[in-house]
Amino acid sequence: MRTDPFREMDRLLDTVLRQAPTTHPMPMDLHRDGDTFVAKIDLPGVRPESLDLDVEERTLTVRAERAADVAEGVQWLSRERPTGTFARQLTLGPRVDADHIDATYADGVLTLTLPVAEEAKPRKIQVAHSGGRTTLEQGSARTIEGAASGTDS
């Protein structure tokens, strides 16, 4: 009986890939709601005590672990739900206040609330001139009369 070298190579590659440690993806939705960014990450079946979040420099790392169901005498016919370690890293831009991130976990969803940094929030800039004070706000200008005398109307 002759062996097929390609079939043998496929079998070996399959064995190696099945044994390689993997981290599983975490589906995430991200949106901005006023002065906060909100990220929702699906982690069904993960125990809250297995969640690990940390920020180092401008990188937020989320780790979680889902343990495999181990039942004695059970013969698995199908195991499609991933178990093991889940990890995701988010690079935080300068607009995020990394010191005030909040996290909650309910119904298999990790919700991260990332506040916008104060220095990144829109603000008004007043321009002083001899005829009054002008407030610049998102591309429009408004002159405040009587600014020279110190009264605003």
Protein backbone atom coordinates (compact mmCIF):
# COMPACT_ATOMS: atom_id res chain seq x y z
CA MET A 1 0.00 0.00 0.00
CA ARG A 2 1.42 3.35 -1.03
CA THR A 3 1.08 6.44 1.08
CA ASP A 4 0.03 9.73 -0.39
CA PRO A 5 2.58 12.36 0.77
CA PHE A 6 0.05 15.20 0.35
CA ARG A 7 -2.58 13.44 2.44
CA GLU A 8 0.03 12.72 5.13
CA MET A 9 1.10 16.38 5.12
CA ASP A 10 -2.54 17.52 5.48
CA ARG A 11 -3.02 15.12 8.40
CA LEU A 12 0.12 16.40 10.16
CA LEU A 13 -0.83 20.03 9.59
CA ASP A 14 -4.35 19.35 10.90
CA THR A 15 -2.90 17.78 14.06
CA VAL A 16 -0.55 20.70 14.70
CA LEU A 17 -3.24 23.34 14.16
CA ARG A 18 -5.67 21.58 16.51
CA GLN A 19 -3.05 21.51 19.27
CA ALA A 20 -1.87 25.11 18.87
CA PRO A 21 -3.00 27.39 21.67
CA THR A 22 -5.38 30.03 20.43
CA THR A 23 -7.14 33.06 21.72
CA HIS A 24 -10.68 33.44 20.53
CA PRO A 25 -12.16 36.60 19.06
CA MET A 26 -14.52 38.79 21.03
CA PRO A 27 -17.23 40.41 18.90
CA MET A 28 -17.50 44.10 19.80
CA ASP A 29 -19.75 47.06 19.02
CA LEU A 30 -18.40 50.58 19.62
CA HIS A 31 -20.28 53.88 19.51
CA ARG A 32 -20.09 57.41 20.87
CA ASP A 33 -22.87 58.70 23.10
CA GLY A 34 -22.31 62.37 23.95
CA ASP A 35 -19.19 62.64 26.10
CA THR A 36 -18.53 58.89 26.28
CA PHE A 37 -17.49 56.05 24.01
CA VAL A 38 -19.32 52.79 24.73
CA ALA A 39 -17.93 49.37 23.80
CA LYS A 40 -20.05 46.23 24.15
CA ILE A 41 -18.18 42.94 23.98
CA ASP A 42 -19.98 39.58 23.74
CA LEU A 43 -18.64 37.08 26.28
CA PRO A 44 -21.45 34.56 26.87
CA GLY A 45 -20.74 31.85 29.40
CA VAL A 46 -17.79 33.68 30.95
CA ARG A 47 -17.74 33.90 34.74
CA PRO A 48 -17.33 37.52 35.94
CA GLU A 49 -14.38 36.56 38.17
CA SER A 50 -12.43 35.38 35.11
CA LEU A 51 -12.53 38.86 33.53
CA ASP A 52 -9.26 40.79 33.63
CA LEU A 53 -8.99 44.35 32.31
CA ASP A 54 -5.94 46.57 32.46
CA VAL A 55 -4.62 49.73 30.86
CA GLU A 56 -0.94 50.14 30.10
CA GLU A 57 0.08 53.37 28.44
CA ARG A 58 -2.70 53.83 25.82
CA THR A 59 -3.63 50.14 25.43
CA LEU A 60 -6.68 48.59 27.11
CA THR A 61 -6.42 44.79 27.34
CA VAL A 62 -9.49 42.65 28.01
CA ARG A 63 -8.97 39.00 28.95
CA ALA A 64 -11.53 36.36 29.86
CA GLU A 65 -11.65 32.61 30.22
CA ARG A 66 -14.43 30.16 29.55
CA ALA A 67 -13.83 26.80 31.19
CA ALA A 68 -14.71 23.61 29.39
CA ASP A 69 -17.61 21.56 30.73
CA VAL A 70 -16.06 18.46 32.22
CA ALA A 71 -18.53 15.72 32.94
CA GLU A 72 -17.44 12.20 33.78
CA GLY A 73 -18.72 9.49 31.48
CA VAL A 74 -19.99 11.90 28.84
CA GLN A 75 -19.33 11.17 25.19
CA TRP A 76 -19.28 14.43 23.25
CA LEU A 77 -20.95 14.27 19.85
CA SER A 78 -20.24 17.90 19.01
CA ARG A 79 -18.28 20.68 20.75
CA GLU A 80 -18.50 23.92 18.82
CA ARG A 81 -18.51 26.51 21.60
CA PRO A 82 -14.97 27.74 22.12
CA THR A 83 -13.35 27.34 25.52
CA GLY A 84 -10.11 28.71 26.86
CA THR A 85 -8.70 32.20 26.82
CA PHE A 86 -10.26 35.16 25.07
CA ALA A 87 -8.26 38.37 24.61
CA ARG A 88 -8.66 41.71 22.88
CA GLN A 89 -6.59 44.89 22.91
CA LEU A 90 -7.94 48.34 22.17
CA THR A 91 -5.63 51.25 21.45
CA LEU A 92 -6.98 54.30 23.24
CA GLY A 93 -6.60 57.59 21.43
CA PRO A 94 -5.77 60.86 23.18
CA ARG A 95 -9.50 61.71 23.26
CA VAL A 96 -10.17 58.98 25.88
CA ASP A 97 -9.78 59.61 29.63
CA ALA A 98 -8.06 56.30 30.44
CA ASP A 99 -8.14 57.00 34.20
CA HIS A 100 -11.95 56.92 34.39
CA ILE A 101 -12.96 53.84 32.37
CA ASP A 102 -15.94 51.96 33.82
CA ALA A 103 -16.82 48.30 33.17
CA THR A 104 -19.99 46.31 33.86
CA TYR A 105 -20.84 42.70 32.97
CA ALA A 106 -24.43 41.48 32.61
CA ASP A 107 -26.16 38.81 30.53
CA GLY A 108 -22.93 37.76 28.83
CA VAL A 109 -22.06 41.29 27.65
CA LEU A 110 -19.12 43.33 28.96
CA THR A 111 -19.92 47.05 28.65
CA LEU A 112 -17.03 49.50 28.78
CA THR A 113 -17.73 53.19 29.24
CA LEU A 114 -14.79 55.30 28.13
CA PRO A 115 -15.22 59.01 28.90
CA VAL A 116 -14.00 61.66 26.49
CA ALA A 117 -11.02 63.54 27.96
CA GLU A 118 -11.80 67.10 29.07
CA GLU A 119 -9.19 68.54 26.72
CA ALA A 120 -10.87 66.77 23.77
CA LYS A 121 -14.37 68.15 24.44
CA PRO A 122 -15.62 71.04 22.27
CA ARG A 123 -15.35 74.43 23.93
CA LYS A 124 -16.05 78.08 23.13
CA ILE A 125 -13.27 80.53 22.47
CA GLN A 126 -13.87 84.23 23.04
CA VAL A 127 -12.01 86.74 20.91
CA ALA A 128 -11.56 90.21 22.41
CA HIS A 129 -11.51 93.27 20.14
CA SER A 130 -12.20 96.99 20.50
CA GLY A 131 -15.86 96.84 19.37
CA GLY A 132 -16.90 94.11 21.78
CA ARG A 133 -16.25 90.47 22.48
CA THR A 134 -16.98 87.79 19.87
CA THR A 135 -17.76 84.23 20.80
CA LEU A 136 -16.73 81.62 18.24
CA GLU A 137 -18.82 78.49 18.35
CA GLN A 138 -18.62 75.79 15.69
CA GLY A 139 -17.98 78.08 12.76
CA SER A 140 -20.38 80.91 13.66
CA ALA A 141 -19.53 84.23 15.28
CA ARG A 142 -21.71 86.30 17.61
CA THR A 143 -20.80 89.80 18.83
CA ILE A 144 -21.71 90.69 22.38
CA GLU A 145 -22.52 94.40 22.63
CA GLY A 146 -21.33 96.44 25.57
CA ALA A 147 -18.37 94.18 26.21
CA ALA A 148 -16.09 97.20 26.45
CA SER A 149 -18.01 98.45 29.48
CA GLY A 150 -18.08 94.99 31.06
CA THR A 151 -21.79 94.27 30.61
CA ASP A 152 -23.12 91.48 28.42
CA SER A 153 -26.57 91.56 26.87
